[in-house]
Amino acid sequence: MVALGVAGVTSTAREHGTARLRRTAKRWWVLAFATFIPYALATAPDGESAAAVGDAFAGPVVSLALESIAGATVLCAVSMTVLYGFAWYGIHPGRPTPEERVLADGGDE
């Protein structure tokens, strides 16, 4: 299910420009960080106040849900970052590769 979700997220954004992919990747990383905070509080409370907040998320079902949501958002953030890296480098689906573009330009003749 996670793989299908990541594939769905990346397929919706594969035709975007580099600026939009960069903004989307940043948003996914912010969302991943925001979803990781409750998971971190629930699984590893260090102080008394963190333990009090973590008790609200205690339980195997809630812990499993928080872990899966945090993991899925991190995977989506990574996939969007990879898409941005490919787009920045010049690799787009259905377009010539950077090597093909260099060969088509003729080089320094």
PDB file of N, CA and C in Angstrom:
ATOM      1  N   MET A   1       0.817  -1.188   0.000  1.00  0.00           N
ATOM      2  CA  MET A   1       0.000   0.000   0.000  1.00  0.00           C
ATOM      3  C   MET A   1       0.863   1.255   0.000  1.00  0.00           C
ATOM      4  N   VAL A   2       1.972   1.191   0.736  1.00  0.00           N
ATOM      5  CA  VAL A   2       2.867   2.347   0.765  1.00  0.00           C
ATOM      6  C   VAL A   2       3.470   2.577  -0.613  1.00  0.00           C
ATOM      7  N   ALA A   3       3.866   1.497  -1.276  1.00  0.00           N
ATOM      8  CA  ALA A   3       4.448   1.632  -2.615  1.00  0.00           C
ATOM      9  C   ALA A   3       3.441   2.220  -3.596  1.00  0.00           C
ATOM     10  N   LEU A   4       2.191   1.812  -3.495  1.00  0.00           N
ATOM     11  CA  LEU A   4       1.164   2.381  -4.369  1.00  0.00           C
ATOM     12  C   LEU A   4       0.943   3.856  -4.063  1.00  0.00           C
ATOM     13  N   GLY A   5       0.985   4.218  -2.795  1.00  0.00           N
ATOM     14  CA  GLY A   5       0.829   5.621  -2.423  1.00  0.00           C
ATOM     15  C   GLY A   5       1.961   6.483  -2.941  1.00  0.00           C
ATOM     16  N   VAL A   6       3.188   6.000  -2.792  1.00  0.00           N
ATOM     17  CA  VAL A   6       4.348   6.749  -3.290  1.00  0.00           C
ATOM     18  C   VAL A   6       4.292   6.851  -4.811  1.00  0.00           C
ATOM     19  N   ALA A   7       3.913   5.772  -5.468  1.00  0.00           N
ATOM     20  CA  ALA A   7       3.789   5.808  -6.929  1.00  0.00           C
ATOM     21  C   ALA A   7       2.711   6.797  -7.356  1.00  0.00           C
ATOM     22  N   GLY A   8       1.622   6.851  -6.617  1.00  0.00           N
ATOM     23  CA  GLY A   8       0.567   7.808  -6.932  1.00  0.00           C
ATOM     24  C   GLY A   8       1.008   9.245  -6.755  1.00  0.00           C
ATOM     25  N   VAL A   9       1.736   9.504  -5.670  1.00  0.00           N
ATOM     26  CA  VAL A   9       2.222  10.865  -5.417  1.00  0.00           C
ATOM     27  C   VAL A   9       3.206  11.292  -6.496  1.00  0.00           C
ATOM     28  N   THR A  10       4.124  10.417  -6.855  1.00  0.00           N
ATOM     29  CA  THR A  10       5.125  10.789  -7.855  1.00  0.00           C
ATOM     30  C   THR A  10       4.519  10.906  -9.250  1.00  0.00           C
ATOM     31  N   SER A  11       3.523  10.084  -9.556  1.00  0.00           N
ATOM     32  CA  SER A  11       2.926  10.170 -10.893  1.00  0.00           C
ATOM     33  C   SER A  11       2.121  11.449 -11.067  1.00  0.00           C
ATOM     34  N   THR A  12       1.573  11.992  -9.994  1.00  0.00           N
ATOM     35  CA  THR A  12       0.825  13.247 -10.124  1.00  0.00           C
ATOM     36  C   THR A  12       1.742  14.438 -10.329  1.00  0.00           C
ATOM     37  N   ALA A  13       2.995  14.327  -9.933  1.00  0.00           N
ATOM     38  CA  ALA A  13       3.902  15.476 -10.002  1.00  0.00           C
ATOM     39  C   ALA A  13       4.990  15.337 -11.053  1.00  0.00           C
ATOM     40  N   ARG A  14       4.960  14.318 -11.857  1.00  0.00           N
ATOM     41  CA  ARG A  14       6.089  14.090 -12.761  1.00  0.00           C
ATOM     42  C   ARG A  14       6.176  15.091 -13.897  1.00  0.00           C
ATOM     43  N   GLU A  15       5.112  15.803 -14.216  1.00  0.00           N
ATOM     44  CA  GLU A  15       5.146  16.771 -15.310  1.00  0.00           C
ATOM     45  C   GLU A  15       5.330  18.207 -14.827  1.00  0.00           C
ATOM     46  N   HIS A  16       5.551  18.398 -13.540  1.00  0.00           N
ATOM     47  CA  HIS A  16       5.739  19.746 -13.001  1.00  0.00           C
ATOM     48  C   HIS A  16       7.135  20.263 -13.334  1.00  0.00           C
ATOM     49  N   GLY A  17       7.274  21.583 -13.318  1.00  0.00           N
ATOM     50  CA  GLY A  17       8.575  22.207 -13.523  1.00  0.00           C
ATOM     51  C   GLY A  17       9.435  22.086 -12.276  1.00  0.00           C
ATOM     52  N   THR A  18      10.695  22.477 -12.401  1.00  0.00           N
ATOM     53  CA  THR A  18      11.622  22.315 -11.274  1.00  0.00           C
ATOM     54  C   THR A  18      11.243  23.187 -10.088  1.00  0.00           C
ATOM     55  N   ALA A  19      10.768  24.402 -10.327  1.00  0.00           N
ATOM     56  CA  ALA A  19      10.402  25.278  -9.209  1.00  0.00           C
ATOM     57  C   ALA A  19       9.238  24.694  -8.422  1.00  0.00           C
ATOM     58  N   ARG A  20       8.256  24.168  -9.129  1.00  0.00           N
ATOM     59  CA  ARG A  20       7.109  23.581  -8.437  1.00  0.00           C
ATOM     60  C   ARG A  20       7.501  22.292  -7.721  1.00  0.00           C
ATOM     61  N   LEU A  21       8.366  21.490  -8.324  1.00  0.00           N
ATOM     62  CA  LEU A  21       8.832  20.274  -7.655  1.00  0.00           C
ATOM     63  C   LEU A  21       9.614  20.607  -6.393  1.00  0.00           C
ATOM     64  N   ARG A  22      10.393  21.667  -6.439  1.00  0.00           N
ATOM     65  CA  ARG A  22      11.162  22.072  -5.256  1.00  0.00           C
ATOM     66  C   ARG A  22      10.220  22.483  -4.128  1.00  0.00           C
ATOM     67  N   ARG A  23       9.204  23.288  -4.447  1.00  0.00           N
ATOM     68  CA  ARG A  23       8.230  23.693  -3.427  1.00  0.00           C
ATOM     69  C   ARG A  23       7.482  22.488  -2.882  1.00  0.00           C
ATOM     70  N   THR A  24       7.113  21.574  -3.759  1.00  0.00           N
ATOM     71  CA  THR A  24       6.387  20.378  -3.334  1.00  0.00           C
ATOM     72  C   THR A  24       7.255  19.505  -2.441  1.00  0.00           C
ATOM     73  N   ALA A  25       8.521  19.356  -2.783  1.00  0.00           N
ATOM     74  CA  ALA A  25       9.431  18.563  -1.950  1.00  0.00           C
ATOM     75  C   ALA A  25       9.592  19.200  -0.574  1.00  0.00           C
ATOM     76  N   LYS A  26       9.719  20.522  -0.527  1.00  0.00           N
ATOM     77  CA  LYS A  26       9.827  21.201   0.771  1.00  0.00           C
ATOM     78  C   LYS A  26       8.576  20.983   1.604  1.00  0.00           C
ATOM     79  N   ARG A  27       7.421  21.073   0.959  1.00  0.00           N
ATOM     80  CA  ARG A  27       6.168  20.863   1.694  1.00  0.00           C
ATOM     81  C   ARG A  27       6.075  19.449   2.237  1.00  0.00           C
ATOM     82  N   TRP A  28       6.504  18.461   1.461  1.00  0.00           N
ATOM     83  CA  TRP A  28       6.474  17.082   1.942  1.00  0.00           C
ATOM     84  C   TRP A  28       7.421  16.891   3.121  1.00  0.00           C
ATOM     85  N   TRP A  29       8.598  17.549   3.085  1.00  0.00           N
ATOM     86  CA  TRP A  29       9.525  17.423   4.207  1.00  0.00           C
ATOM     87  C   TRP A  29       8.970  18.086   5.461  1.00  0.00           C
ATOM     88  N   VAL A  30       8.292  19.219   5.323  1.00  0.00           N
ATOM     89  CA  VAL A  30       7.656  19.861   6.480  1.00  0.00           C
ATOM     90  C   VAL A  30       6.559  18.955   7.029  1.00  0.00           C
ATOM     91  N   LEU A  31       5.759  18.375   6.146  1.00  0.00           N
ATOM     92  CA  LEU A  31       4.709  17.459   6.581  1.00  0.00           C
ATOM     93  C   LEU A  31       5.302  16.221   7.248  1.00  0.00           C
ATOM     94  N   ALA A  32       6.391  15.698   6.697  1.00  0.00           N
ATOM     95  CA  ALA A  32       7.038  14.527   7.297  1.00  0.00           C
ATOM     96  C   ALA A  32       7.558  14.851   8.691  1.00  0.00           C
ATOM     97  N   PHE A  33       8.137  16.025   8.861  1.00  0.00           N
ATOM     98  CA  PHE A  33       8.615  16.430  10.184  1.00  0.00           C
ATOM     99  C   PHE A  33       7.446  16.580  11.150  1.00  0.00           C
ATOM    100  N   ALA A  34       6.359  17.184  10.677  1.00  0.00           N
ATOM    101  CA  ALA A  34       5.189  17.388  11.536  1.00  0.00           C
ATOM    102  C   ALA A  34       4.542  16.066  11.937  1.00  0.00           C
ATOM    103  N   THR A  35       4.552  15.077  11.064  1.00  0.00           N
ATOM    104  CA  THR A  35       3.975  13.784  11.425  1.00  0.00           C
ATOM    105  C   THR A  35       4.924  12.949  12.269  1.00  0.00           C
ATOM    106  N   PHE A  36       6.205  13.269  12.234  1.00  0.00           N
ATOM    107  CA  PHE A  36       7.159  12.517  13.047  1.00  0.00           C
ATOM    108  C   PHE A  36       7.112  12.943  14.514  1.00  0.00           C
ATOM    109  N   ILE A  37       6.747  14.193  14.792  1.00  0.00           N
ATOM    110  CA  ILE A  37       6.748  14.687  16.174  1.00  0.00           C
ATOM    111  C   ILE A  37       5.823  13.869  17.079  1.00  0.00           C
ATOM    112  N   PRO A  38       4.545  13.628  16.721  1.00  0.00           N
ATOM    113  CA  PRO A  38       3.716  12.800  17.607  1.00  0.00           C
ATOM    114  C   PRO A  38       4.248  11.378  17.756  1.00  0.00           C
ATOM    115  N   TYR A  39       4.799  10.828  16.680  1.00  0.00           N
ATOM    116  CA  TYR A  39       5.372   9.484  16.758  1.00  0.00           C
ATOM    117  C   TYR A  39       6.555   9.460  17.715  1.00  0.00           C
ATOM    118  N   ALA A  40       7.410  10.476  17.643  1.00  0.00           N
ATOM    119  CA  ALA A  40       8.569  10.537  18.540  1.00  0.00           C
ATOM    120  C   ALA A  40       8.133  10.705  19.987  1.00  0.00           C
ATOM    121  N   LEU A  41       7.132  11.518  20.234  1.00  0.00           N
ATOM    122  CA  LEU A  41       6.646  11.702  21.600  1.00  0.00           C
ATOM    123  C   LEU A  41       6.015  10.429  22.151  1.00  0.00           C
ATOM    124  N   ALA A  42       5.346   9.676  21.294  1.00  0.00           N
ATOM    125  CA  ALA A  42       4.683   8.459  21.752  1.00  0.00           C
ATOM    126  C   ALA A  42       5.658   7.328  22.009  1.00  0.00           C
ATOM    127  N   THR A  43       6.733   7.268  21.259  1.00  0.00           N
ATOM    128  CA  THR A  43       7.628   6.115  21.379  1.00  0.00           C
ATOM    129  C   THR A  43       8.829   6.345  22.273  1.00  0.00           C
ATOM    130  N   ALA A  44       9.277   7.577  22.400  1.00  0.00           N
ATOM    131  CA  ALA A  44      10.486   7.816  23.195  1.00  0.00           C
ATOM    132  C   ALA A  44      10.376   9.098  24.016  1.00  0.00           C
ATOM    133  N   PRO A  45       9.406   9.172  24.933  1.00  0.00           N
ATOM    134  CA  PRO A  45       9.337  10.378  25.761  1.00  0.00           C
ATOM    135  C   PRO A  45      10.509  10.421  26.728  1.00  0.00           C
ATOM    136  N   ASP A  46      11.211  11.552  26.749  1.00  0.00           N
ATOM    137  CA  ASP A  46      12.409  11.671  27.570  1.00  0.00           C
ATOM    138  C   ASP A  46      12.133  12.411  28.873  1.00  0.00           C
ATOM    139  N   GLY A  47      11.387  13.482  28.807  1.00  0.00           N
ATOM    140  CA  GLY A  47      11.106  14.269  29.998  1.00  0.00           C
ATOM    141  C   GLY A  47       9.707  13.996  30.519  1.00  0.00           C
ATOM    142  N   GLU A  48       9.369  14.636  31.641  1.00  0.00           N
ATOM    143  CA  GLU A  48       8.049  14.428  32.231  1.00  0.00           C
ATOM    144  C   GLU A  48       6.944  15.001  31.355  1.00  0.00           C
ATOM    145  N   SER A  49       7.184  16.182  30.794  1.00  0.00           N
ATOM    146  CA  SER A  49       6.150  16.787  29.947  1.00  0.00           C
ATOM    147  C   SER A  49       5.970  15.988  28.656  1.00  0.00           C
ATOM    148  N   ALA A  50       7.068  15.488  28.106  1.00  0.00           N
ATOM    149  CA  ALA A  50       6.967  14.657  26.903  1.00  0.00           C
ATOM    150  C   ALA A  50       6.266  13.343  27.217  1.00  0.00           C
ATOM    151  N   ALA A  51       6.527  12.789  28.401  1.00  0.00           N
ATOM    152  CA  ALA A  51       5.861  11.550  28.803  1.00  0.00           C
ATOM    153  C   ALA A  51       4.364  11.774  28.976  1.00  0.00           C
ATOM    154  N   ALA A  52       3.983  12.946  29.494  1.00  0.00           N
ATOM    155  CA  ALA A  52       2.561  13.247  29.656  1.00  0.00           C
ATOM    156  C   ALA A  52       1.870  13.348  28.299  1.00  0.00           C
ATOM    157  N   VAL A  53       2.530  13.980  27.347  1.00  0.00           N
ATOM    158  CA  VAL A  53       1.963  14.068  25.996  1.00  0.00           C
ATOM    159  C   VAL A  53       1.985  12.696  25.336  1.00  0.00           C
ATOM    160  N   GLY A  54       3.057  11.935  25.563  1.00  0.00           N
ATOM    161  CA  GLY A  54       3.178  10.609  24.978  1.00  0.00           C
ATOM    162  C   GLY A  54       2.140   9.637  25.492  1.00  0.00           C
ATOM    163  N   ASP A  55       1.673   9.832  26.742  1.00  0.00           N
ATOM    164  CA  ASP A  55       0.638   8.954  27.284  1.00  0.00           C
ATOM    165  C   ASP A  55      -0.671   9.072  26.510  1.00  0.00           C
ATOM    166  N   ALA A  56      -0.914  10.235  25.925  1.00  0.00           N
ATOM    167  CA  ALA A  56      -2.127  10.408  25.123  1.00  0.00           C
ATOM    168  C   ALA A  56      -2.075   9.548  23.864  1.00  0.00           C
ATOM    169  N   PHE A  57      -0.881   9.250  23.401  1.00  0.00           N
ATOM    170  CA  PHE A  57      -0.716   8.433  22.200  1.00  0.00           C
ATOM    171  C   PHE A  57      -0.333   6.993  22.528  1.00  0.00           C
ATOM    172  N   ALA A  58      -0.449   6.608  23.792  1.00  0.00           N
ATOM    173  CA  ALA A  58      -0.052   5.255  24.195  1.00  0.00           C
ATOM    174  C   ALA A  58      -1.050   4.244  23.628  1.00  0.00           C
ATOM    175  N   GLY A  59      -0.553   3.103  23.320  1.00  0.00           N
ATOM    176  CA  GLY A  59      -1.392   2.044  22.780  1.00  0.00           C
ATOM    177  C   GLY A  59      -0.812   1.527  21.484  1.00  0.00           C
ATOM    178  N   PRO A  60      -0.956   0.231  21.251  1.00  0.00           N
ATOM    179  CA  PRO A  60      -0.329  -0.353  20.062  1.00  0.00           C
ATOM    180  C   PRO A  60      -0.956   0.113  18.746  1.00  0.00           C
ATOM    181  N   VAL A  61      -2.250   0.325  18.726  1.00  0.00           N
ATOM    182  CA  VAL A  61      -2.905   0.724  17.478  1.00  0.00           C
ATOM    183  C   VAL A  61      -2.513   2.150  17.105  1.00  0.00           C
ATOM    184  N   VAL A  62      -2.531   3.044  18.085  1.00  0.00           N
ATOM    185  CA  VAL A  62      -2.164   4.436  17.826  1.00  0.00           C
ATOM    186  C   VAL A  62      -0.694   4.525  17.449  1.00  0.00           C
ATOM    187  N   SER A  63       0.148   3.778  18.142  1.00  0.00           N
ATOM    188  CA  SER A  63       1.578   3.779  17.838  1.00  0.00           C
ATOM    189  C   SER A  63       1.837   3.272  16.421  1.00  0.00           C
ATOM    190  N   LEU A  64       1.150   2.216  16.046  1.00  0.00           N
ATOM    191  CA  LEU A  64       1.306   1.668  14.697  1.00  0.00           C
ATOM    192  C   LEU A  64       0.813   2.657  13.640  1.00  0.00           C
ATOM    193  N   ALA A  65      -0.301   3.316  13.909  1.00  0.00           N
ATOM    194  CA  ALA A  65      -0.827   4.304  12.961  1.00  0.00           C
ATOM    195  C   ALA A  65       0.129   5.481  12.815  1.00  0.00           C
ATOM    196  N   LEU A  66       0.652   5.976  13.933  1.00  0.00           N
ATOM    197  CA  LEU A  66       1.593   7.099  13.872  1.00  0.00           C
ATOM    198  C   LEU A  66       2.860   6.721  13.123  1.00  0.00           C
ATOM    199  N   GLU A  67       3.349   5.511  13.365  1.00  0.00           N
ATOM    200  CA  GLU A  67       4.562   5.054  12.681  1.00  0.00           C
ATOM    201  C   GLU A  67       4.341   4.926  11.179  1.00  0.00           C
ATOM    202  N   SER A  68       3.202   4.377  10.787  1.00  0.00           N
ATOM    203  CA  SER A  68       2.949   4.202   9.352  1.00  0.00           C
ATOM    204  C   SER A  68       2.741   5.538   8.654  1.00  0.00           C
ATOM    205  N   ILE A  69       2.077   6.475   9.309  1.00  0.00           N
ATOM    206  CA  ILE A  69       1.872   7.796   8.702  1.00  0.00           C
ATOM    207  C   ILE A  69       3.198   8.534   8.578  1.00  0.00           C
ATOM    208  N   ALA A  70       4.007   8.495   9.639  1.00  0.00           N
ATOM    209  CA  ALA A  70       5.312   9.167   9.588  1.00  0.00           C
ATOM    210  C   ALA A  70       6.202   8.541   8.520  1.00  0.00           C
ATOM    211  N   GLY A  71       6.215   7.232   8.444  1.00  0.00           N
ATOM    212  CA  GLY A  71       7.027   6.554   7.433  1.00  0.00           C
ATOM    213  C   GLY A  71       6.568   6.845   6.018  1.00  0.00           C
ATOM    214  N   ALA A  72       5.260   6.858   5.811  1.00  0.00           N
ATOM    215  CA  ALA A  72       4.735   7.133   4.470  1.00  0.00           C
ATOM    216  C   ALA A  72       5.052   8.552   4.024  1.00  0.00           C
ATOM    217  N   THR A  73       4.950   9.513   4.931  1.00  0.00           N
ATOM    218  CA  THR A  73       5.251  10.890   4.531  1.00  0.00           C
ATOM    219  C   THR A  73       6.739  11.073   4.252  1.00  0.00           C
ATOM    220  N   VAL A  74       7.584  10.370   4.988  1.00  0.00           N
ATOM    221  CA  VAL A  74       9.021  10.442   4.702  1.00  0.00           C
ATOM    222  C   VAL A  74       9.312   9.833   3.327  1.00  0.00           C
ATOM    223  N   LEU A  75       8.690   8.713   3.015  1.00  0.00           N
ATOM    224  CA  LEU A  75       8.894   8.104   1.695  1.00  0.00           C
ATOM    225  C   LEU A  75       8.403   9.015   0.572  1.00  0.00           C
ATOM    226  N   CYS A  76       7.274   9.679   0.781  1.00  0.00           N
ATOM    227  CA  CYS A  76       6.783  10.625  -0.231  1.00  0.00           C
ATOM    228  C   CYS A  76       7.725  11.811  -0.366  1.00  0.00           C
ATOM    229  N   ALA A  77       8.263  12.283   0.753  1.00  0.00           N
ATOM    230  CA  ALA A  77       9.214  13.402   0.699  1.00  0.00           C
ATOM    231  C   ALA A  77      10.478  13.000  -0.047  1.00  0.00           C
ATOM    232  N   VAL A  78      10.951  11.793   0.198  1.00  0.00           N
ATOM    233  CA  VAL A  78      12.143  11.309  -0.505  1.00  0.00           C
ATOM    234  C   VAL A  78      11.861  11.180  -2.001  1.00  0.00           C
ATOM    235  N   SER A  79      10.709  10.638  -2.357  1.00  0.00           N
ATOM    236  CA  SER A  79      10.399  10.478  -3.782  1.00  0.00           C
ATOM    237  C   SER A  79      10.266  11.827  -4.478  1.00  0.00           C
ATOM    238  N   MET A  80       9.679  12.816  -3.816  1.00  0.00           N
ATOM    239  CA  MET A  80       9.577  14.145  -4.419  1.00  0.00           C
ATOM    240  C   MET A  80      10.951  14.796  -4.538  1.00  0.00           C
ATOM    241  N   THR A  81      11.825  14.554  -3.573  1.00  0.00           N
ATOM    242  CA  THR A  81      13.182  15.091  -3.645  1.00  0.00           C
ATOM    243  C   THR A  81      13.949  14.460  -4.800  1.00  0.00           C
ATOM    244  N   VAL A  82      13.770  13.165  -5.003  1.00  0.00           N
ATOM    245  CA  VAL A  82      14.417  12.482  -6.127  1.00  0.00           C
ATOM    246  C   VAL A  82      13.875  13.014  -7.452  1.00  0.00           C
ATOM    247  N   LEU A  83      12.565  13.214  -7.538  1.00  0.00           N
ATOM    248  CA  LEU A  83      11.994  13.796  -8.756  1.00  0.00           C
ATOM    249  C   LEU A  83      12.552  15.183  -9.014  1.00  0.00           C
ATOM    250  N   TYR A  84      12.685  15.988  -7.962  1.00  0.00           N
ATOM    251  CA  TYR A  84      13.254  17.325  -8.125  1.00  0.00           C
ATOM    252  C   TYR A  84      14.703  17.228  -8.604  1.00  0.00           C
ATOM    253  N   GLY A  85      15.472  16.302  -8.027  1.00  0.00           N
ATOM    254  CA  GLY A  85      16.858  16.127  -8.456  1.00  0.00           C
ATOM    255  C   GLY A  85      16.957  15.729  -9.915  1.00  0.00           C
ATOM    256  N   PHE A  86      16.102  14.810 -10.345  1.00  0.00           N
ATOM    257  CA  PHE A  86      16.092  14.418 -11.753  1.00  0.00           C
ATOM    258  C   PHE A  86      15.710  15.592 -12.645  1.00  0.00           C
ATOM    259  N   ALA A  87      14.694  16.344 -12.245  1.00  0.00           N
ATOM    260  CA  ALA A  87      14.249  17.482 -13.061  1.00  0.00           C
ATOM    261  C   ALA A  87      15.317  18.563 -13.108  1.00  0.00           C
ATOM    262  N   TRP A  88      15.998  18.787 -12.005  1.00  0.00           N
ATOM    263  CA  TRP A  88      17.057  19.799 -11.967  1.00  0.00           C
ATOM    264  C   TRP A  88      18.210  19.391 -12.872  1.00  0.00           C
ATOM    265  N   TYR A  89      18.505  18.096 -12.891  1.00  0.00           N
ATOM    266  CA  TYR A  89      19.573  17.590 -13.745  1.00  0.00           C
ATOM    267  C   TYR A  89      19.157  17.568 -15.208  1.00  0.00           C
ATOM    268  N   GLY A  90      17.870  17.506 -15.463  1.00  0.00           N
ATOM    269  CA  GLY A  90      17.382  17.533 -16.838  1.00  0.00           C
ATOM    270  C   GLY A  90      16.768  16.244 -17.318  1.00  0.00           C
ATOM    271  N   ILE A  91      16.474  15.342 -16.420  1.00  0.00           N
ATOM    272  CA  ILE A  91      15.863  14.075 -16.807  1.00  0.00           C
ATOM    273  C   ILE A  91      14.357  14.191 -16.586  1.00  0.00           C
ATOM    274  N   HIS A  92      13.593  14.170 -17.673  1.00  0.00           N
ATOM    275  CA  HIS A  92      12.140  14.231 -17.600  1.00  0.00           C
ATOM    276  C   HIS A  92      11.575  13.055 -18.375  1.00  0.00           C
ATOM    277  N   PRO A  93      10.455  12.498 -17.945  1.00  0.00           N
ATOM    278  CA  PRO A  93       9.847  11.399 -18.699  1.00  0.00           C
ATOM    279  C   PRO A  93       9.435  11.849 -20.099  1.00  0.00           C
ATOM    280  N   GLY A  94       9.821  11.081 -21.099  1.00  0.00           N
ATOM    281  CA  GLY A  94       9.438  11.377 -22.467  1.00  0.00           C
ATOM    282  C   GLY A  94      10.305  12.415 -23.162  1.00  0.00           C
ATOM    283  N   ARG A  95      11.284  12.948 -22.496  1.00  0.00           N
ATOM    284  CA  ARG A  95      12.173  13.949 -23.101  1.00  0.00           C
ATOM    285  C   ARG A  95      13.555  13.337 -23.300  1.00  0.00           C
ATOM    286  N   PRO A  96      14.372  13.952 -24.140  1.00  0.00           N
ATOM    287  CA  PRO A  96      15.716  13.404 -24.362  1.00  0.00           C
ATOM    288  C   PRO A  96      16.566  13.453 -23.091  1.00  0.00           C
ATOM    289  N   THR A  97      17.448  12.490 -22.973  1.00  0.00           N
ATOM    290  CA  THR A  97      18.366  12.471 -21.837  1.00  0.00           C
ATOM    291  C   THR A  97      19.399  13.583 -22.014  1.00  0.00           C
ATOM    292  N   PRO A  98      20.110  13.962 -20.952  1.00  0.00           N
ATOM    293  CA  PRO A  98      21.146  14.989 -21.104  1.00  0.00           C
ATOM    294  C   PRO A  98      22.197  14.615 -22.146  1.00  0.00           C
ATOM    295  N   GLU A  99      22.546  13.336 -22.231  1.00  0.00           N
ATOM    296  CA  GLU A  99      23.526  12.901 -23.214  1.00  0.00           C
ATOM    297  C   GLU A  99      22.996  13.080 -24.631  1.00  0.00           C
ATOM    298  N   GLU A 100      21.715  12.748 -24.847  1.00  0.00           N
ATOM    299  CA  GLU A 100      21.118  12.922 -26.171  1.00  0.00           C
ATOM    300  C   GLU A 100      21.039  14.397 -26.553  1.00  0.00           C
ATOM    301  N   ARG A 101      20.790  15.267 -25.580  1.00  0.00           N
ATOM    302  CA  ARG A 101      20.746  16.700 -25.872  1.00  0.00           C
ATOM    303  C   ARG A 101      22.116  17.220 -26.259  1.00  0.00           C
ATOM    304  N   VAL A 102      23.167  16.743 -25.595  1.00  0.00           N
ATOM    305  CA  VAL A 102      24.526  17.174 -25.934  1.00  0.00           C
ATOM    306  C   VAL A 102      24.886  16.706 -27.337  1.00  0.00           C
ATOM    307  N   LEU A 103      24.549  15.458 -27.663  1.00  0.00           N
ATOM    308  CA  LEU A 103      24.848  14.938 -28.995  1.00  0.00           C
ATOM    309  C   LEU A 103      24.040  15.662 -30.067  1.00  0.00           C
ATOM    310  N   ALA A 104      22.809  16.054 -29.761  1.00  0.00           N
ATOM    311  CA  ALA A 104      21.973  16.762 -30.731  1.00  0.00           C
ATOM    312  C   ALA A 104      22.472  18.181 -30.973  1.00  0.00           C
ATOM    313  N   ASP A 105      23.082  18.808 -29.959  1.00  0.00           N
ATOM    314  CA  ASP A 105      23.610  20.168 -30.116  1.00  0.00           C
ATOM    315  C   ASP A 105      24.846  20.198 -31.000  1.00  0.00           C
ATOM    316  N   GLY A 106      25.539  19.110 -31.129  1.00  0.00           N
ATOM    317  CA  GLY A 106      26.722  19.048 -31.975  1.00  0.00           C
ATOM    318  C   GLY A 106      28.018  19.300 -31.237  1.00  0.00           C
ATOM    319  N   GLY A 107      27.958  19.670 -29.989  1.00  0.00           N
ATOM    320  CA  GLY A 107      29.182  19.885 -29.213  1.00  0.00           C
ATOM    321  C   GLY A 107      29.906  21.148 -29.616  1.00  0.00           C
ATOM    322  N   ASP A 108      31.224  21.167 -29.469  1.00  0.00           N
ATOM    323  CA  ASP A 108      32.064  22.343 -29.752  1.00  0.00           C
ATOM    324  C   ASP A 108      32.754  22.193 -31.099  1.00  0.00           C
ATOM    325  N   GLU A 109      32.021  22.156 -32.159  1.00  0.00           N
ATOM    326  CA  GLU A 109      32.628  21.992 -33.483  1.00  0.00           C
ATOM    327  C   GLU A 109      32.971  23.306 -34.102  1.00  0.00           C
TER     328      GLU A 109
END
